[in-house]
Amino acid sequence: MTLLVCVAIAIAFAFTLVATIAEVVAALALLGLVARRAEQWSPGGSRSAWGWFVVWALIGAVGALGVFSLGVFLLLPVVALGIFLASRPRIRRSAFGVLTGVGAVLLSVAWVQRDGPGTTCWHSANGSGCDQHLDPLPWLAVGALLLVAGFVAQARRR
């Protein structure tokens, strides 16, 4: 019986993890669209600079996931890739995308915790339960600040 419970918990964790990654990828896809539009209003904004910005945003998002949940298995390759990309001066100029990527992850945490803070209970025809939620406001504030700061810094760089 306990093996079945462990397998069920592992499957539930895997689905939650996939859903979180899908949210971050969707947010970064939206950021990519915004970055394309930003080329038009950015002084001196070039297509390749904004493309590298999106790459750095992906690195920041995956790195944040590594720090918050997946640990060293995800963090080590991301740090290695970041060091490699930072060794290229042309690519390094768009590294403000890391801020935007981390901000996107924090905003997704705020969205998941939107029913907080505290305990929320639910019931349906098939079951009921209660969930603990964090306060989403700090996640929202820091996430929005980092997201906007990354875009503004990239747009104002020379």
N, C-alpha and C. Protein backbone atom coordinates (compact mmCIF):
# COMPACT_ATOMS: atom_id res chain seq x y z
N MET A 1 0.82 -1.20 0.00
CA MET A 1 0.00 0.00 0.00
C MET A 1 0.86 1.26 0.00
N THR A 2 1.95 1.28 0.77
CA THR A 2 2.77 2.48 0.84
C THR A 2 3.52 2.73 -0.46
N LEU A 3 3.88 1.67 -1.19
CA LEU A 3 4.54 1.85 -2.48
C LEU A 3 3.59 2.53 -3.46
N LEU A 4 2.33 2.14 -3.44
CA LEU A 4 1.33 2.75 -4.30
C LEU A 4 1.15 4.23 -3.97
N VAL A 5 1.16 4.57 -2.70
CA VAL A 5 1.04 5.96 -2.28
C VAL A 5 2.25 6.76 -2.74
N CYS A 6 3.44 6.18 -2.60
CA CYS A 6 4.66 6.87 -3.04
C CYS A 6 4.64 7.11 -4.55
N VAL A 7 4.20 6.13 -5.31
CA VAL A 7 4.11 6.29 -6.76
C VAL A 7 3.09 7.37 -7.12
N ALA A 8 1.97 7.38 -6.43
CA ALA A 8 0.95 8.41 -6.68
C ALA A 8 1.48 9.80 -6.36
N ILE A 9 2.23 9.94 -5.28
CA ILE A 9 2.81 11.23 -4.93
C ILE A 9 3.84 11.65 -5.96
N ALA A 10 4.66 10.71 -6.42
CA ALA A 10 5.66 11.02 -7.44
C ALA A 10 5.01 11.47 -8.74
N ILE A 11 3.93 10.82 -9.12
CA ILE A 11 3.21 11.21 -10.35
C ILE A 11 2.59 12.59 -10.18
N ALA A 12 2.00 12.85 -9.03
CA ALA A 12 1.41 14.17 -8.79
C ALA A 12 2.49 15.25 -8.82
N PHE A 13 3.64 14.99 -8.23
CA PHE A 13 4.75 15.95 -8.26
C PHE A 13 5.20 16.18 -9.69
N ALA A 14 5.30 15.12 -10.48
CA ALA A 14 5.73 15.26 -11.88
C ALA A 14 4.75 16.12 -12.66
N PHE A 15 3.45 15.91 -12.48
CA PHE A 15 2.46 16.72 -13.18
C PHE A 15 2.53 18.18 -12.75
N THR A 16 2.73 18.42 -11.46
CA THR A 16 2.86 19.80 -10.97
C THR A 16 4.09 20.46 -11.56
N LEU A 17 5.19 19.73 -11.61
CA LEU A 17 6.42 20.26 -12.16
C LEU A 17 6.26 20.59 -13.64
N VAL A 18 5.64 19.70 -14.40
CA VAL A 18 5.41 19.95 -15.82
C VAL A 18 4.51 21.16 -16.02
N ALA A 19 3.49 21.30 -15.19
CA ALA A 19 2.60 22.45 -15.30
C ALA A 19 3.34 23.75 -14.99
N THR A 20 4.21 23.74 -14.00
CA THR A 20 4.98 24.94 -13.66
C THR A 20 5.93 25.30 -14.79
N ILE A 21 6.60 24.31 -15.34
CA ILE A 21 7.51 24.57 -16.46
C ILE A 21 6.73 25.09 -17.66
N ALA A 22 5.55 24.54 -17.91
CA ALA A 22 4.73 25.02 -19.03
C ALA A 22 4.30 26.47 -18.82
N GLU A 23 3.98 26.84 -17.58
CA GLU A 23 3.63 28.24 -17.30
C GLU A 23 4.79 29.17 -17.58
N VAL A 24 5.98 28.77 -17.16
CA VAL A 24 7.16 29.61 -17.37
C VAL A 24 7.48 29.71 -18.86
N VAL A 25 7.39 28.61 -19.59
CA VAL A 25 7.66 28.64 -21.03
C VAL A 25 6.64 29.53 -21.73
N ALA A 26 5.38 29.46 -21.34
CA ALA A 26 4.37 30.32 -21.95
C ALA A 26 4.65 31.79 -21.65
N ALA A 27 5.06 32.08 -20.41
CA ALA A 27 5.39 33.47 -20.05
C ALA A 27 6.59 33.96 -20.85
N LEU A 28 7.58 33.09 -21.04
CA LEU A 28 8.76 33.50 -21.80
C LEU A 28 8.46 33.64 -23.29
N ALA A 29 7.53 32.85 -23.80
CA ALA A 29 7.11 33.03 -25.19
C ALA A 29 6.46 34.39 -25.36
N LEU A 30 5.65 34.77 -24.39
CA LEU A 30 5.06 36.11 -24.41
C LEU A 30 6.14 37.17 -24.33
N LEU A 31 7.17 36.94 -23.51
CA LEU A 31 8.28 37.88 -23.42
C LEU A 31 8.99 38.00 -24.75
N GLY A 32 9.11 36.89 -25.47
CA GLY A 32 9.73 36.93 -26.79
C GLY A 32 8.96 37.82 -27.75
N LEU A 33 7.63 37.75 -27.69
CA LEU A 33 6.81 38.62 -28.53
C LEU A 33 6.99 40.08 -28.14
N VAL A 34 7.06 40.33 -26.83
CA VAL A 34 7.27 41.70 -26.36
C VAL A 34 8.64 42.20 -26.79
N ALA A 35 9.64 41.32 -26.73
CA ALA A 35 10.99 41.72 -27.13
C ALA A 35 11.04 42.08 -28.61
N ARG A 36 10.30 41.37 -29.43
CA ARG A 36 10.27 41.72 -30.86
C ARG A 36 9.67 43.11 -31.07
N ARG A 37 8.63 43.41 -30.32
CA ARG A 37 8.03 44.74 -30.41
C ARG A 37 8.97 45.80 -29.84
N ALA A 38 9.74 45.42 -28.83
CA ALA A 38 10.65 46.37 -28.19
C ALA A 38 11.75 46.82 -29.14
N GLU A 39 12.06 46.01 -30.15
CA GLU A 39 13.06 46.42 -31.14
C GLU A 39 12.67 47.75 -31.79
N GLN A 40 11.38 47.97 -31.92
CA GLN A 40 10.91 49.15 -32.62
C GLN A 40 11.09 50.43 -31.80
N TRP A 41 10.96 50.34 -30.47
CA TRP A 41 11.04 51.56 -29.66
C TRP A 41 12.33 51.68 -28.89
N SER A 42 13.18 50.68 -28.97
CA SER A 42 14.45 50.74 -28.24
C SER A 42 15.47 51.53 -29.04
N PRO A 43 16.12 52.53 -28.42
CA PRO A 43 17.17 53.24 -29.14
C PRO A 43 18.36 52.30 -29.36
N GLY A 44 18.66 52.05 -30.61
CA GLY A 44 19.78 51.19 -30.94
C GLY A 44 19.47 49.71 -30.73
N GLY A 45 18.21 49.34 -30.59
CA GLY A 45 17.87 47.94 -30.37
C GLY A 45 18.03 47.14 -31.65
N SER A 46 18.75 46.07 -31.58
CA SER A 46 18.94 45.24 -32.76
C SER A 46 18.27 43.89 -32.53
N ARG A 47 17.98 43.24 -33.63
CA ARG A 47 17.30 41.95 -33.56
C ARG A 47 18.14 40.94 -32.78
N SER A 48 19.43 40.89 -33.01
CA SER A 48 20.25 39.90 -32.33
C SER A 48 20.36 40.19 -30.83
N ALA A 49 20.40 41.48 -30.45
CA ALA A 49 20.48 41.81 -29.03
C ALA A 49 19.23 41.36 -28.30
N TRP A 50 18.06 41.56 -28.88
CA TRP A 50 16.83 41.13 -28.22
C TRP A 50 16.69 39.61 -28.27
N GLY A 51 17.21 38.98 -29.29
CA GLY A 51 17.21 37.52 -29.34
C GLY A 51 18.04 36.93 -28.21
N TRP A 52 19.23 37.51 -27.99
CA TRP A 52 20.07 37.05 -26.88
C TRP A 52 19.43 37.39 -25.55
N PHE A 53 18.68 38.47 -25.50
CA PHE A 53 17.93 38.81 -24.27
C PHE A 53 16.97 37.69 -23.92
N VAL A 54 16.26 37.15 -24.91
CA VAL A 54 15.32 36.06 -24.66
C VAL A 54 16.07 34.79 -24.23
N VAL A 55 17.24 34.54 -24.82
CA VAL A 55 18.05 33.40 -24.40
C VAL A 55 18.46 33.56 -22.93
N TRP A 56 18.91 34.75 -22.57
CA TRP A 56 19.28 35.01 -21.17
C TRP A 56 18.06 34.89 -20.26
N ALA A 57 16.88 35.30 -20.73
CA ALA A 57 15.67 35.16 -19.92
C ALA A 57 15.36 33.68 -19.67
N LEU A 58 15.55 32.85 -20.68
CA LEU A 58 15.36 31.41 -20.48
C LEU A 58 16.36 30.86 -19.46
N ILE A 59 17.60 31.32 -19.56
CA ILE A 59 18.62 30.88 -18.60
C ILE A 59 18.22 31.31 -17.18
N GLY A 60 17.75 32.53 -17.03
CA GLY A 60 17.31 33.01 -15.72
C GLY A 60 16.13 32.22 -15.18
N ALA A 61 15.17 31.90 -16.06
CA ALA A 61 13.99 31.15 -15.62
C ALA A 61 14.36 29.73 -15.21
N VAL A 62 15.16 29.07 -16.01
CA VAL A 62 15.55 27.70 -15.68
C VAL A 62 16.44 27.70 -14.43
N GLY A 63 17.31 28.70 -14.31
CA GLY A 63 18.13 28.81 -13.11
C GLY A 63 17.30 29.02 -11.86
N ALA A 64 16.27 29.85 -11.97
CA ALA A 64 15.38 30.08 -10.82
C ALA A 64 14.64 28.80 -10.45
N LEU A 65 14.19 28.04 -11.45
CA LEU A 65 13.56 26.76 -11.16
C LEU A 65 14.54 25.83 -10.46
N GLY A 66 15.79 25.88 -10.88
CA GLY A 66 16.81 25.06 -10.23
C GLY A 66 17.01 25.45 -8.79
N VAL A 67 17.03 26.74 -8.52
CA VAL A 67 17.22 27.20 -7.14
C VAL A 67 16.00 26.87 -6.29
N PHE A 68 14.80 27.10 -6.81
CA PHE A 68 13.59 26.96 -6.00
C PHE A 68 13.10 25.53 -5.86
N SER A 69 13.33 24.67 -6.88
CA SER A 69 12.71 23.35 -6.74
C SER A 69 13.57 22.20 -7.23
N LEU A 70 14.20 22.29 -8.37
CA LEU A 70 14.83 21.12 -8.95
C LEU A 70 16.26 20.90 -8.51
N GLY A 71 16.88 21.90 -7.93
CA GLY A 71 18.18 21.73 -7.33
C GLY A 71 19.35 21.66 -8.29
N VAL A 72 20.36 20.99 -7.84
CA VAL A 72 21.65 21.01 -8.50
C VAL A 72 21.62 20.33 -9.88
N PHE A 73 20.70 19.41 -10.10
CA PHE A 73 20.64 18.73 -11.38
C PHE A 73 20.31 19.67 -12.52
N LEU A 74 19.56 20.69 -12.24
CA LEU A 74 19.21 21.68 -13.24
C LEU A 74 20.13 22.89 -13.17
N LEU A 75 20.59 23.22 -11.99
CA LEU A 75 21.37 24.43 -11.78
C LEU A 75 22.77 24.35 -12.38
N LEU A 76 23.43 23.23 -12.27
CA LEU A 76 24.80 23.11 -12.78
C LEU A 76 24.90 23.33 -14.29
N PRO A 77 24.07 22.68 -15.11
CA PRO A 77 24.16 22.94 -16.56
C PRO A 77 23.82 24.39 -16.91
N VAL A 78 22.87 24.99 -16.19
CA VAL A 78 22.50 26.37 -16.47
C VAL A 78 23.65 27.31 -16.14
N VAL A 79 24.31 27.10 -15.00
CA VAL A 79 25.45 27.94 -14.64
C VAL A 79 26.57 27.77 -15.65
N ALA A 80 26.82 26.55 -16.08
CA ALA A 80 27.86 26.31 -17.08
C ALA A 80 27.54 27.02 -18.39
N LEU A 81 26.29 26.94 -18.83
CA LEU A 81 25.89 27.64 -20.05
C LEU A 81 25.99 29.15 -19.87
N GLY A 82 25.59 29.65 -18.71
CA GLY A 82 25.68 31.09 -18.43
C GLY A 82 27.12 31.57 -18.47
N ILE A 83 28.03 30.80 -17.88
CA ILE A 83 29.45 31.18 -17.90
C ILE A 83 29.97 31.18 -19.33
N PHE A 84 29.59 30.18 -20.11
CA PHE A 84 30.03 30.13 -21.50
C PHE A 84 29.52 31.33 -22.29
N LEU A 85 28.23 31.65 -22.14
CA LEU A 85 27.66 32.79 -22.88
C LEU A 85 28.23 34.11 -22.38
N ALA A 86 28.52 34.21 -21.09
CA ALA A 86 29.07 35.45 -20.55
C ALA A 86 30.49 35.70 -21.03
N SER A 87 31.15 34.69 -21.52
CA SER A 87 32.50 34.88 -22.04
C SER A 87 32.51 35.55 -23.41
N ARG A 88 31.38 35.69 -24.02
CA ARG A 88 31.24 36.35 -25.32
C ARG A 88 30.71 37.77 -25.09
N PRO A 89 31.52 38.81 -25.35
CA PRO A 89 31.09 40.19 -25.04
C PRO A 89 29.79 40.60 -25.73
N ARG A 90 29.60 40.21 -26.97
CA ARG A 90 28.40 40.61 -27.70
C ARG A 90 27.15 39.99 -27.08
N ILE A 91 27.27 38.77 -26.61
CA ILE A 91 26.13 38.07 -26.00
C ILE A 91 25.92 38.58 -24.57
N ARG A 92 27.02 38.87 -23.89
CA ARG A 92 26.95 39.31 -22.49
C ARG A 92 26.18 40.63 -22.34
N ARG A 93 26.17 41.45 -23.38
CA ARG A 93 25.47 42.75 -23.30
C ARG A 93 23.96 42.59 -23.10
N SER A 94 23.42 41.42 -23.41
CA SER A 94 21.98 41.18 -23.24
C SER A 94 21.66 40.39 -21.98
N ALA A 95 22.61 40.30 -21.07
CA ALA A 95 22.43 39.46 -19.87
C ALA A 95 21.36 39.99 -18.92
N PHE A 96 20.82 41.17 -19.17
CA PHE A 96 19.73 41.67 -18.34
C PHE A 96 18.50 40.77 -18.45
N GLY A 97 18.47 39.92 -19.46
CA GLY A 97 17.37 38.97 -19.60
C GLY A 97 17.25 38.01 -18.42
N VAL A 98 18.36 37.78 -17.72
CA VAL A 98 18.31 36.90 -16.54
C VAL A 98 17.31 37.45 -15.53
N LEU A 99 17.33 38.77 -15.33
CA LEU A 99 16.37 39.39 -14.40
C LEU A 99 14.94 39.11 -14.84
N THR A 100 14.70 39.25 -16.13
CA THR A 100 13.36 39.03 -16.65
C THR A 100 12.94 37.58 -16.49
N GLY A 101 13.85 36.64 -16.71
CA GLY A 101 13.53 35.23 -16.56
C GLY A 101 13.21 34.86 -15.12
N VAL A 102 14.00 35.37 -14.19
CA VAL A 102 13.73 35.10 -12.77
C VAL A 102 12.39 35.74 -12.38
N GLY A 103 12.14 36.95 -12.88
CA GLY A 103 10.87 37.61 -12.60
C GLY A 103 9.68 36.82 -13.11
N ALA A 104 9.82 36.19 -14.28
CA ALA A 104 8.72 35.38 -14.83
C ALA A 104 8.42 34.19 -13.92
N VAL A 105 9.46 33.55 -13.38
CA VAL A 105 9.24 32.43 -12.47
C VAL A 105 8.57 32.90 -11.18
N LEU A 106 9.01 34.03 -10.65
CA LEU A 106 8.40 34.55 -9.42
C LEU A 106 6.94 34.92 -9.65
N LEU A 107 6.63 35.45 -10.83
CA LEU A 107 5.23 35.76 -11.13
C LEU A 107 4.39 34.50 -11.24
N SER A 108 4.97 33.41 -11.75
CA SER A 108 4.21 32.17 -11.82
C SER A 108 3.98 31.60 -10.41
N VAL A 109 4.93 31.78 -9.50
CA VAL A 109 4.72 31.36 -8.11
C VAL A 109 3.60 32.19 -7.49
N ALA A 110 3.60 33.49 -7.76
CA ALA A 110 2.53 34.35 -7.24
C ALA A 110 1.17 33.89 -7.77
N TRP A 111 1.12 33.48 -9.03
CA TRP A 111 -0.14 33.03 -9.61
C TRP A 111 -0.61 31.74 -8.93
N VAL A 112 0.30 30.81 -8.71
CA VAL A 112 -0.06 29.55 -8.06
C VAL A 112 -0.54 29.78 -6.63
N GLN A 113 0.03 30.76 -5.96
CA GLN A 113 -0.31 31.05 -4.56
C GLN A 113 -1.40 32.11 -4.43
N ARG A 114 -2.12 32.41 -5.48
CA ARG A 114 -3.07 33.53 -5.50
C ARG A 114 -4.21 33.38 -4.48
N ASP A 115 -4.47 32.19 -3.97
CA ASP A 115 -5.52 32.01 -2.98
C ASP A 115 -5.05 32.29 -1.55
N GLY A 116 -3.76 32.60 -1.41
CA GLY A 116 -3.19 32.79 -0.08
C GLY A 116 -3.32 34.20 0.41
N PRO A 117 -2.80 34.47 1.57
CA PRO A 117 -2.12 33.54 2.46
C PRO A 117 -3.11 32.76 3.32
N GLY A 118 -2.64 31.63 3.80
CA GLY A 118 -3.44 30.85 4.72
C GLY A 118 -3.97 29.56 4.11
N THR A 119 -4.98 29.04 4.75
CA THR A 119 -5.56 27.76 4.36
C THR A 119 -6.82 27.99 3.55
N THR A 120 -6.95 27.30 2.46
CA THR A 120 -8.18 27.33 1.68
C THR A 120 -8.68 25.90 1.56
N CYS A 121 -9.94 25.72 1.79
CA CYS A 121 -10.54 24.39 1.73
C CYS A 121 -11.47 24.30 0.53
N TRP A 122 -11.57 23.12 0.00
CA TRP A 122 -12.41 22.88 -1.17
C TRP A 122 -13.15 21.56 -0.97
N HIS A 123 -14.24 21.42 -1.68
CA HIS A 123 -14.98 20.16 -1.67
C HIS A 123 -15.72 20.03 -2.99
N SER A 124 -15.82 18.79 -3.42
CA SER A 124 -16.54 18.48 -4.65
C SER A 124 -17.36 17.22 -4.41
N ALA A 125 -17.97 16.72 -5.44
CA ALA A 125 -18.78 15.52 -5.30
C ALA A 125 -17.92 14.30 -4.96
N ASN A 126 -16.63 14.35 -5.35
CA ASN A 126 -15.77 13.18 -5.17
C ASN A 126 -14.81 13.29 -3.99
N GLY A 127 -14.68 14.44 -3.39
CA GLY A 127 -13.73 14.56 -2.29
C GLY A 127 -13.65 15.98 -1.77
N SER A 128 -12.78 16.12 -0.77
CA SER A 128 -12.57 17.45 -0.21
C SER A 128 -11.18 17.50 0.37
N GLY A 129 -10.73 18.71 0.67
CA GLY A 129 -9.41 18.86 1.25
C GLY A 129 -9.11 20.32 1.52
N CYS A 130 -7.97 20.54 2.11
CA CYS A 130 -7.52 21.89 2.40
C CYS A 130 -6.08 22.05 1.91
N ASP A 131 -5.75 23.24 1.48
CA ASP A 131 -4.41 23.53 0.99
C ASP A 131 -3.85 24.74 1.72
N GLN A 132 -2.56 24.74 1.94
CA GLN A 132 -1.86 25.88 2.51
C GLN A 132 -1.31 26.73 1.37
N HIS A 133 -1.47 28.02 1.46
CA HIS A 133 -0.95 28.93 0.43
C HIS A 133 -0.10 30.01 1.08
N LEU A 134 0.96 30.38 0.36
CA LEU A 134 1.81 31.49 0.79
C LEU A 134 1.15 32.81 0.44
N ASP A 135 1.67 33.88 0.96
CA ASP A 135 1.22 35.21 0.59
C ASP A 135 1.78 35.51 -0.81
N PRO A 136 0.92 35.74 -1.80
CA PRO A 136 1.42 35.95 -3.16
C PRO A 136 1.98 37.35 -3.40
N LEU A 137 1.70 38.30 -2.51
CA LEU A 137 2.12 39.68 -2.78
C LEU A 137 3.63 39.89 -2.85
N PRO A 138 4.44 39.30 -1.97
CA PRO A 138 5.89 39.47 -2.13
C PRO A 138 6.40 38.87 -3.43
N TRP A 139 5.88 37.70 -3.79
CA TRP A 139 6.29 37.07 -5.05
C TRP A 139 5.88 37.95 -6.23
N LEU A 140 4.69 38.52 -6.17
CA LEU A 140 4.20 39.39 -7.23
C LEU A 140 5.04 40.65 -7.34
N ALA A 141 5.33 41.29 -6.21
CA ALA A 141 6.08 42.55 -6.23
C ALA A 141 7.50 42.35 -6.76
N VAL A 142 8.20 41.36 -6.22
CA VAL A 142 9.58 41.13 -6.65
C VAL A 142 9.61 40.64 -8.09
N GLY A 143 8.68 39.76 -8.46
CA GLY A 143 8.63 39.26 -9.83
C GLY A 143 8.37 40.37 -10.83
N ALA A 144 7.40 41.23 -10.55
CA ALA A 144 7.11 42.34 -11.46
C ALA A 144 8.28 43.30 -11.55
N LEU A 145 8.92 43.58 -10.41
CA LEU A 145 10.07 44.46 -10.40
C LEU A 145 11.20 43.91 -11.25
N LEU A 146 11.53 42.63 -11.07
CA LEU A 146 12.61 42.03 -11.86
C LEU A 146 12.26 41.95 -13.34
N LEU A 147 11.02 41.60 -13.65
CA LEU A 147 10.60 41.50 -15.04
C LEU A 147 10.75 42.85 -15.75
N VAL A 148 10.23 43.89 -15.13
CA VAL A 148 10.30 45.23 -15.73
C VAL A 148 11.74 45.74 -15.76
N ALA A 149 12.49 45.50 -14.68
CA ALA A 149 13.88 45.96 -14.62
C ALA A 149 14.72 45.36 -15.74
N GLY A 150 14.50 44.09 -16.04
CA GLY A 150 15.24 43.46 -17.13
C GLY A 150 14.94 44.10 -18.46
N PHE A 151 13.67 44.36 -18.74
CA PHE A 151 13.30 45.00 -20.01
C PHE A 151 13.85 46.43 -20.09
N VAL A 152 13.69 47.18 -19.01
CA VAL A 152 14.14 48.57 -19.03
C VAL A 152 15.66 48.63 -19.19
N ALA A 153 16.38 47.82 -18.46
CA ALA A 153 17.84 47.81 -18.56
C ALA A 153 18.29 47.42 -19.96
N GLN A 154 17.63 46.45 -20.57
CA GLN A 154 17.99 46.05 -21.93
C GLN A 154 17.69 47.16 -22.93
N ALA A 155 16.57 47.82 -22.76
CA ALA A 155 16.19 48.87 -23.69
C ALA A 155 17.11 50.09 -23.56
N ARG A 156 17.64 50.34 -22.38
CA ARG A 156 18.46 51.54 -22.15
C ARG A 156 19.95 51.29 -22.32
N ARG A 157 20.34 50.03 -22.51
CA ARG A 157 21.79 49.77 -22.65
C ARG A 157 22.30 50.38 -23.96
N ARG A 158 23.57 50.64 -23.98
CA ARG A 158 24.15 51.24 -25.18
C ARG A 158 25.12 50.30 -25.81
